[in-house]
């Protein structure tokens, strides 16, 4: 997770503030409680869905998907 936090910091963003939701894919449902506990330890108050599904790489146990939103103003476009 630390590499993810570094990426957010470099973009001037905050993981807890700028990510509206997470989707976590588990290869093995036996890992559910460990993953749930880890997310709780990190004090994530982000709505999270944990599903049993294939992951991208065979050596991975879990995969996380998120979208981050950054509030920016570009004067070339009308504000909403």
PDB file of N, CA and C in Angstrom:
ATOM      1  N   UNK A   1       0.813  -1.190   0.000  1.00  0.00           N
ATOM      2  CA  UNK A   1       0.000   0.000   0.000  1.00  0.00           C
ATOM      3  C   UNK A   1       0.854   1.251   0.000  1.00  0.00           C
ATOM      4  N   UNK A   2       2.071   1.203   0.512  1.00  0.00           N
ATOM      5  CA  UNK A   2       2.896   2.413   0.617  1.00  0.00           C
ATOM      6  C   UNK A   2       3.207   3.025  -0.748  1.00  0.00           C
ATOM      7  N   UNK A   3       3.404   2.212  -1.779  1.00  0.00           N
ATOM      8  CA  UNK A   3       3.658   2.763  -3.110  1.00  0.00           C
ATOM      9  C   UNK A   3       2.445   3.545  -3.592  1.00  0.00           C
ATOM     10  N   UNK A   4       1.278   3.074  -3.268  1.00  0.00           N
ATOM     11  CA  UNK A   4       0.049   3.767  -3.639  1.00  0.00           C
ATOM     12  C   UNK A   4      -0.037   5.117  -2.935  1.00  0.00           C
ATOM     13  N   UNK A   5       0.298   5.153  -1.659  1.00  0.00           N
ATOM     14  CA  UNK A   5       0.271   6.404  -0.892  1.00  0.00           C
ATOM     15  C   UNK A   5       1.276   7.386  -1.471  1.00  0.00           C
ATOM     16  N   UNK A   6       2.438   6.915  -1.867  1.00  0.00           N
ATOM     17  CA  UNK A   6       3.460   7.782  -2.476  1.00  0.00           C
ATOM     18  C   UNK A   6       2.928   8.393  -3.766  1.00  0.00           C
ATOM     19  N   UNK A   7       2.270   7.587  -4.596  1.00  0.00           N
ATOM     20  CA  UNK A   7       1.693   8.105  -5.838  1.00  0.00           C
ATOM     21  C   UNK A   7       0.659   9.193  -5.566  1.00  0.00           C
ATOM     22  N   UNK A   8      -0.172   8.967  -4.577  1.00  0.00           N
ATOM     23  CA  UNK A   8      -1.171   9.981  -4.226  1.00  0.00           C
ATOM     24  C   UNK A   8      -0.502  11.262  -3.743  1.00  0.00           C
ATOM     25  N   UNK A   9       0.499  11.125  -2.899  1.00  0.00           N
ATOM     26  CA  UNK A   9       1.204  12.306  -2.393  1.00  0.00           C
ATOM     27  C   UNK A   9       1.853  13.096  -3.526  1.00  0.00           C
ATOM     28  N   UNK A  10       2.455  12.401  -4.480  1.00  0.00           N
ATOM     29  CA  UNK A  10       3.085  13.081  -5.619  1.00  0.00           C
ATOM     30  C   UNK A  10       2.074  13.855  -6.447  1.00  0.00           C
ATOM     31  N   UNK A  11       0.839  13.402  -6.473  1.00  0.00           N
ATOM     32  CA  UNK A  11      -0.209  14.072  -7.237  1.00  0.00           C
ATOM     33  C   UNK A  11      -0.928  15.141  -6.411  1.00  0.00           C
ATOM     34  N   UNK A  12      -0.475  15.338  -5.166  1.00  0.00           N
ATOM     35  CA  UNK A  12      -1.119  16.312  -4.297  1.00  0.00           C
ATOM     36  C   UNK A  12      -2.489  15.851  -3.829  1.00  0.00           C
ATOM     37  N   UNK A  13      -2.628  14.543  -3.683  1.00  0.00           N
ATOM     38  CA  UNK A  13      -3.912  13.973  -3.296  1.00  0.00           C
ATOM     39  C   UNK A  13      -3.773  13.180  -2.002  1.00  0.00           C
ATOM     40  N   UNK A  14      -4.923  12.804  -1.449  1.00  0.00           N
ATOM     41  CA  UNK A  14      -4.957  12.032  -0.221  1.00  0.00           C
ATOM     42  C   UNK A  14      -5.842  10.812  -0.461  1.00  0.00           C
ATOM     43  N   UNK A  15      -5.298   9.629  -0.216  1.00  0.00           N
ATOM     44  CA  UNK A  15      -6.030   8.394  -0.502  1.00  0.00           C
ATOM     45  C   UNK A  15      -7.379   8.370   0.206  1.00  0.00           C
ATOM     46  N   UNK A  16      -7.384   8.695   1.494  1.00  0.00           N
ATOM     47  CA  UNK A  16      -8.623   8.622   2.274  1.00  0.00           C
ATOM     48  C   UNK A  16      -9.649   9.671   1.834  1.00  0.00           C
ATOM     49  N   UNK A  17      -9.177  10.806   1.357  1.00  0.00           N
ATOM     50  CA  UNK A  17     -10.073  11.903   1.002  1.00  0.00           C
ATOM     51  C   UNK A  17     -10.538  11.855  -0.457  1.00  0.00           C
ATOM     52  N   UNK A  18      -9.671  11.429  -1.356  1.00  0.00           N
ATOM     53  CA  UNK A  18      -9.930  11.556  -2.786  1.00  0.00           C
ATOM     54  C   UNK A  18     -10.398  10.276  -3.481  1.00  0.00           C
ATOM     55  N   UNK A  19     -10.492   9.180  -2.749  1.00  0.00           N
ATOM     56  CA  UNK A  19     -10.984   7.917  -3.327  1.00  0.00           C
ATOM     57  C   UNK A  19     -12.397   7.676  -2.812  1.00  0.00           C
ATOM     58  N   UNK A  20     -13.392   7.693  -3.697  1.00  0.00           N
ATOM     59  CA  UNK A  20     -14.775   7.536  -3.229  1.00  0.00           C
ATOM     60  C   UNK A  20     -15.179   6.095  -2.893  1.00  0.00           C
ATOM     61  N   UNK A  21     -14.487   5.098  -3.467  1.00  0.00           N
ATOM     62  CA  UNK A  21     -14.807   3.700  -3.173  1.00  0.00           C
ATOM     63  C   UNK A  21     -13.664   2.787  -3.604  1.00  0.00           C
ATOM     64  N   UNK A  22     -13.653   1.590  -3.040  1.00  0.00           N
ATOM     65  CA  UNK A  22     -12.670   0.555  -3.395  1.00  0.00           C
ATOM     66  C   UNK A  22     -13.410  -0.719  -3.789  1.00  0.00           C
ATOM     67  N   UNK A  23     -12.828  -1.429  -4.719  1.00  0.00           N
ATOM     68  CA  UNK A  23     -13.258  -2.798  -5.011  1.00  0.00           C
ATOM     69  C   UNK A  23     -12.021  -3.670  -4.801  1.00  0.00           C
ATOM     70  N   UNK A  24     -12.157  -4.671  -3.951  1.00  0.00           N
ATOM     71  CA  UNK A  24     -11.049  -5.580  -3.654  1.00  0.00           C
ATOM     72  C   UNK A  24     -11.429  -6.958  -4.181  1.00  0.00           C
ATOM     73  N   UNK A  25     -10.557  -7.517  -5.008  1.00  0.00           N
ATOM     74  CA  UNK A  25     -10.766  -8.851  -5.569  1.00  0.00           C
ATOM     75  C   UNK A  25      -9.889  -9.843  -4.812  1.00  0.00           C
ATOM     76  N   UNK A  26     -10.478 -10.891  -4.296  1.00  0.00           N
ATOM     77  CA  UNK A  26      -9.749 -11.934  -3.566  1.00  0.00           C
ATOM     78  C   UNK A  26      -9.694 -13.204  -4.388  1.00  0.00           C
ATOM     79  N   UNK A  27      -8.503 -13.749  -4.526  1.00  0.00           N
ATOM     80  CA  UNK A  27      -8.392 -15.033  -5.205  1.00  0.00           C
ATOM     81  C   UNK A  27      -8.947 -16.150  -4.327  1.00  0.00           C
ATOM     82  N   UNK A  28      -8.707 -16.042  -3.008  1.00  0.00           N
ATOM     83  CA  UNK A  28      -9.119 -17.079  -2.065  1.00  0.00           C
ATOM     84  C   UNK A  28      -9.982 -16.435  -0.973  1.00  0.00           C
ATOM     85  N   UNK A  29     -11.213 -16.908  -0.804  1.00  0.00           N
ATOM     86  CA  UNK A  29     -12.100 -16.325   0.197  1.00  0.00           C
ATOM     87  C   UNK A  29     -11.564 -16.485   1.619  1.00  0.00           C
ATOM     88  N   UNK A  30     -10.643 -17.421   1.822  1.00  0.00           N
ATOM     89  CA  UNK A  30     -10.045 -17.608   3.143  1.00  0.00           C
ATOM     90  C   UNK A  30      -9.271 -16.366   3.594  1.00  0.00           C
ATOM     91  N   UNK A  31      -8.898 -15.494   2.655  1.00  0.00           N
ATOM     92  CA  UNK A  31      -8.160 -14.270   2.986  1.00  0.00           C
ATOM     93  C   UNK A  31      -9.076 -13.104   3.352  1.00  0.00           C
ATOM     94  N   UNK A  32     -10.378 -13.318   3.323  1.00  0.00           N
ATOM     95  CA  UNK A  32     -11.324 -12.229   3.539  1.00  0.00           C
ATOM     96  C   UNK A  32     -11.083 -11.493   4.859  1.00  0.00           C
ATOM     97  N   UNK A  33     -11.023 -12.234   5.961  1.00  0.00           N
ATOM     98  CA  UNK A  33     -10.912 -11.582   7.269  1.00  0.00           C
ATOM     99  C   UNK A  33      -9.593 -10.823   7.421  1.00  0.00           C
ATOM    100  N   UNK A  34      -8.513 -11.374   6.894  1.00  0.00           N
ATOM    101  CA  UNK A  34      -7.214 -10.689   6.966  1.00  0.00           C
ATOM    102  C   UNK A  34      -7.276  -9.364   6.210  1.00  0.00           C
ATOM    103  N   UNK A  35      -7.856  -9.389   5.025  1.00  0.00           N
ATOM    104  CA  UNK A  35      -7.975  -8.171   4.213  1.00  0.00           C
ATOM    105  C   UNK A  35      -8.896  -7.172   4.903  1.00  0.00           C
ATOM    106  N   UNK A  36     -10.021  -7.640   5.425  1.00  0.00           N
ATOM    107  CA  UNK A  36     -10.975  -6.762   6.116  1.00  0.00           C
ATOM    108  C   UNK A  36     -10.307  -6.115   7.325  1.00  0.00           C
ATOM    109  N   UNK A  37      -9.559  -6.899   8.097  1.00  0.00           N
ATOM    110  CA  UNK A  37      -8.863  -6.368   9.271  1.00  0.00           C
ATOM    111  C   UNK A  37      -7.824  -5.328   8.866  1.00  0.00           C
ATOM    112  N   UNK A  38      -7.077  -5.604   7.789  1.00  0.00           N
ATOM    113  CA  UNK A  38      -6.061  -4.659   7.318  1.00  0.00           C
ATOM    114  C   UNK A  38      -6.696  -3.330   6.915  1.00  0.00           C
ATOM    115  N   UNK A  39      -7.788  -3.401   6.166  1.00  0.00           N
ATOM    116  CA  UNK A  39      -8.462  -2.170   5.751  1.00  0.00           C
ATOM    117  C   UNK A  39      -8.981  -1.403   6.964  1.00  0.00           C
ATOM    118  N   UNK A  40      -9.464  -2.110   7.965  1.00  0.00           N
ATOM    119  CA  UNK A  40      -9.927  -1.459   9.192  1.00  0.00           C
ATOM    120  C   UNK A  40      -8.773  -0.812   9.947  1.00  0.00           C
ATOM    121  N   UNK A  41      -7.635  -1.493  10.014  1.00  0.00           N
ATOM    122  CA  UNK A  41      -6.442  -0.942  10.677  1.00  0.00           C
ATOM    123  C   UNK A  41      -5.979   0.352  10.032  1.00  0.00           C
ATOM    124  N   UNK A  42      -6.096   0.409   8.723  1.00  0.00           N
ATOM    125  CA  UNK A  42      -5.662   1.595   7.997  1.00  0.00           C
ATOM    126  C   UNK A  42      -6.662   2.739   8.155  1.00  0.00           C
ATOM    127  N   UNK A  43      -7.721   2.499   8.929  1.00  0.00           N
ATOM    128  CA  UNK A  43      -8.751   3.494   9.206  1.00  0.00           C
ATOM    129  C   UNK A  43      -9.443   3.957   7.930  1.00  0.00           C
ATOM    130  N   UNK A  44      -9.596   3.061   6.987  1.00  0.00           N
ATOM    131  CA  UNK A  44     -10.315   3.404   5.770  1.00  0.00           C
ATOM    132  C   UNK A  44     -11.792   3.527   6.104  1.00  0.00           C
ATOM    133  N   UNK A  45     -12.344   4.652   5.817  1.00  0.00           N
ATOM    134  CA  UNK A  45     -13.781   4.839   5.948  1.00  0.00           C
ATOM    135  C   UNK A  45     -14.381   4.927   4.552  1.00  0.00           C
ATOM    136  N   UNK A  46     -13.642   4.409   3.606  1.00  0.00           N
ATOM    137  CA  UNK A  46     -14.059   4.410   2.206  1.00  0.00           C
ATOM    138  C   UNK A  46     -14.983   3.222   1.988  1.00  0.00           C
ATOM    139  N   UNK A  47     -16.150   3.432   1.367  1.00  0.00           N
ATOM    140  CA  UNK A  47     -17.000   2.280   1.054  1.00  0.00           C
ATOM    141  C   UNK A  47     -16.211   1.248   0.232  1.00  0.00           C
ATOM    142  N   UNK A  48     -16.259   0.007   0.686  1.00  0.00           N
ATOM    143  CA  UNK A  48     -15.449  -1.047   0.072  1.00  0.00           C
ATOM    144  C   UNK A  48     -16.300  -2.275  -0.214  1.00  0.00           C
ATOM    145  N   UNK A  49     -16.100  -2.826  -1.396  1.00  0.00           N
ATOM    146  CA  UNK A  49     -16.725  -4.084  -1.764  1.00  0.00           C
ATOM    147  C   UNK A  49     -15.599  -5.095  -1.924  1.00  0.00           C
ATOM    148  N   UNK A  50     -15.734  -6.235  -1.258  1.00  0.00           N
ATOM    149  CA  UNK A  50     -14.746  -7.313  -1.378  1.00  0.00           C
ATOM    150  C   UNK A  50     -15.443  -8.473  -2.067  1.00  0.00           C
ATOM    151  N   UNK A  51     -14.852  -8.911  -3.179  1.00  0.00           N
ATOM    152  CA  UNK A  51     -15.468  -9.987  -3.952  1.00  0.00           C
ATOM    153  C   UNK A  51     -14.477 -11.119  -4.204  1.00  0.00           C
ATOM    154  N   UNK A  52     -15.010 -12.318  -4.345  1.00  0.00           N
ATOM    155  CA  UNK A  52     -14.204 -13.482  -4.717  1.00  0.00           C
ATOM    156  C   UNK A  52     -14.146 -13.511  -6.239  1.00  0.00           C
ATOM    157  N   UNK A  53     -12.948 -13.343  -6.788  1.00  0.00           N
ATOM    158  CA  UNK A  53     -12.818 -13.265  -8.247  1.00  0.00           C
ATOM    159  C   UNK A  53     -11.369 -13.532  -8.643  1.00  0.00           C
ATOM    160  N   UNK A  54     -11.138 -13.875  -9.901  1.00  0.00           N
ATOM    161  CA  UNK A  54      -9.763 -14.014 -10.384  1.00  0.00           C
ATOM    162  C   UNK A  54      -9.040 -12.666 -10.285  1.00  0.00           C
ATOM    163  N   UNK A  55      -7.753 -12.727 -10.061  1.00  0.00           N
ATOM    164  CA  UNK A  55      -6.949 -11.509 -10.038  1.00  0.00           C
ATOM    165  C   UNK A  55      -6.082 -11.462 -11.289  1.00  0.00           C
ATOM    166  N   UNK A  56      -5.511 -10.311 -11.536  1.00  0.00           N
ATOM    167  CA  UNK A  56      -4.788 -10.048 -12.784  1.00  0.00           C
ATOM    168  C   UNK A  56      -3.578 -10.958 -13.003  1.00  0.00           C
ATOM    169  N   UNK A  57      -2.782 -11.137 -11.965  1.00  0.00           N
ATOM    170  CA  UNK A  57      -1.553 -11.919 -12.083  1.00  0.00           C
ATOM    171  C   UNK A  57      -1.651 -13.180 -11.222  1.00  0.00           C
ATOM    172  N   UNK A  58      -1.165 -14.302 -11.704  1.00  0.00           N
ATOM    173  CA  UNK A  58      -1.314 -15.551 -10.953  1.00  0.00           C
ATOM    174  C   UNK A  58      -0.617 -15.552  -9.593  1.00  0.00           C
ATOM    175  N   UNK A  59       0.424 -14.741  -9.417  1.00  0.00           N
ATOM    176  CA  UNK A  59       1.134 -14.721  -8.133  1.00  0.00           C
ATOM    177  C   UNK A  59       0.482 -13.784  -7.116  1.00  0.00           C
ATOM    178  N   UNK A  60      -0.480 -13.006  -7.526  1.00  0.00           N
ATOM    179  CA  UNK A  60      -1.164 -12.077  -6.621  1.00  0.00           C
ATOM    180  C   UNK A  60      -2.253 -12.795  -5.838  1.00  0.00           C
ATOM    181  N   UNK A  61      -2.416 -12.393  -4.586  1.00  0.00           N
ATOM    182  CA  UNK A  61      -3.499 -12.929  -3.763  1.00  0.00           C
ATOM    183  C   UNK A  61      -4.720 -12.025  -3.808  1.00  0.00           C
ATOM    184  N   UNK A  62      -4.484 -10.714  -3.884  1.00  0.00           N
ATOM    185  CA  UNK A  62      -5.587  -9.770  -3.984  1.00  0.00           C
ATOM    186  C   UNK A  62      -5.258  -8.711  -5.028  1.00  0.00           C
ATOM    187  N   UNK A  63      -6.290  -8.037  -5.465  1.00  0.00           N
ATOM    188  CA  UNK A  63      -6.133  -6.914  -6.381  1.00  0.00           C
ATOM    189  C   UNK A  63      -7.143  -5.856  -5.939  1.00  0.00           C
ATOM    190  N   UNK A  64      -6.717  -4.597  -5.920  1.00  0.00           N
ATOM    191  CA  UNK A  64      -7.606  -3.506  -5.536  1.00  0.00           C
ATOM    192  C   UNK A  64      -7.832  -2.580  -6.720  1.00  0.00           C
ATOM    193  N   UNK A  65      -9.045  -2.101  -6.830  1.00  0.00           N
ATOM    194  CA  UNK A  65      -9.392  -1.157  -7.886  1.00  0.00           C
ATOM    195  C   UNK A  65     -10.014   0.069  -7.226  1.00  0.00           C
ATOM    196  N   UNK A  66      -9.564   1.230  -7.655  1.00  0.00           N
ATOM    197  CA  UNK A  66     -10.168   2.449  -7.145  1.00  0.00           C
ATOM    198  C   UNK A  66     -10.075   3.547  -8.201  1.00  0.00           C
ATOM    199  N   UNK A  67     -10.876   4.556  -7.996  1.00  0.00           N
ATOM    200  CA  UNK A  67     -10.834   5.748  -8.833  1.00  0.00           C
ATOM    201  C   UNK A  67     -10.601   6.913  -7.886  1.00  0.00           C
ATOM    202  N   UNK A  68      -9.684   7.776  -8.226  1.00  0.00           N
ATOM    203  CA  UNK A  68      -9.437   8.958  -7.411  1.00  0.00           C
ATOM    204  C   UNK A  68      -9.935  10.184  -8.161  1.00  0.00           C
ATOM    205  N   UNK A  69     -10.501  11.102  -7.415  1.00  0.00           N
ATOM    206  CA  UNK A  69     -11.025  12.331  -7.998  1.00  0.00           C
ATOM    207  C   UNK A  69     -10.216  13.523  -7.482  1.00  0.00           C
ATOM    208  N   UNK A  70      -9.728  14.319  -8.409  1.00  0.00           N
ATOM    209  CA  UNK A  70      -8.959  15.502  -8.019  1.00  0.00           C
ATOM    210  C   UNK A  70      -9.699  16.740  -8.512  1.00  0.00           C
ATOM    211  N   UNK A  71      -9.979  17.622  -7.584  1.00  0.00           N
ATOM    212  CA  UNK A  71     -10.679  18.848  -7.912  1.00  0.00           C
ATOM    213  C   UNK A  71      -9.683  19.843  -8.514  1.00  0.00           C
ATOM    214  N   UNK A  72      -9.859  20.141  -9.767  1.00  0.00           N
ATOM    215  CA  UNK A  72      -8.997  21.111 -10.437  1.00  0.00           C
ATOM    216  C   UNK A  72      -9.864  22.103 -11.203  1.00  0.00           C
ATOM    217  N   UNK A  73      -9.287  23.246 -11.499  1.00  0.00           N
ATOM    218  CA  UNK A  73     -10.009  24.257 -12.268  1.00  0.00           C
ATOM    219  C   UNK A  73      -9.186  24.551 -13.511  1.00  0.00           C
ATOM    220  N   UNK A  74      -9.829  24.427 -14.657  1.00  0.00           N
ATOM    221  CA  UNK A  74      -9.210  24.772 -15.930  1.00  0.00           C
ATOM    222  C   UNK A  74     -10.065  25.890 -16.520  1.00  0.00           C
ATOM    223  N   UNK A  75      -9.520  27.087 -16.576  1.00  0.00           N
ATOM    224  CA  UNK A  75     -10.285  28.267 -16.987  1.00  0.00           C
ATOM    225  C   UNK A  75     -10.741  28.197 -18.445  1.00  0.00           C
ATOM    226  N   UNK A  76     -10.250  27.241 -19.195  1.00  0.00           N
ATOM    227  CA  UNK A  76     -10.707  27.083 -20.577  1.00  0.00           C
ATOM    228  C   UNK A  76     -12.110  26.505 -20.648  1.00  0.00           C
ATOM    229  N   UNK A  77     -12.579  25.913 -19.545  1.00  0.00           N
ATOM    230  CA  UNK A  77     -13.879  25.255 -19.520  1.00  0.00           C
ATOM    231  C   UNK A  77     -14.785  25.911 -18.502  1.00  0.00           C
ATOM    232  N   UNK A  78     -16.083  25.877 -18.766  1.00  0.00           N
ATOM    233  CA  UNK A  78     -17.058  26.415 -17.821  1.00  0.00           C
ATOM    234  C   UNK A  78     -17.086  25.547 -16.561  1.00  0.00           C
ATOM    235  N   UNK A  79     -17.295  26.193 -15.413  1.00  0.00           N
ATOM    236  CA  UNK A  79     -17.396  25.458 -14.167  1.00  0.00           C
ATOM    237  C   UNK A  79     -18.799  24.874 -14.019  1.00  0.00           C
ATOM    238  N   UNK A  80     -18.895  23.742 -13.370  1.00  0.00           N
ATOM    239  CA  UNK A  80     -20.187  23.102 -13.139  1.00  0.00           C
ATOM    240  C   UNK A  80     -20.580  23.277 -11.711  1.00  0.00           C
TER     241      UNK A  80
END
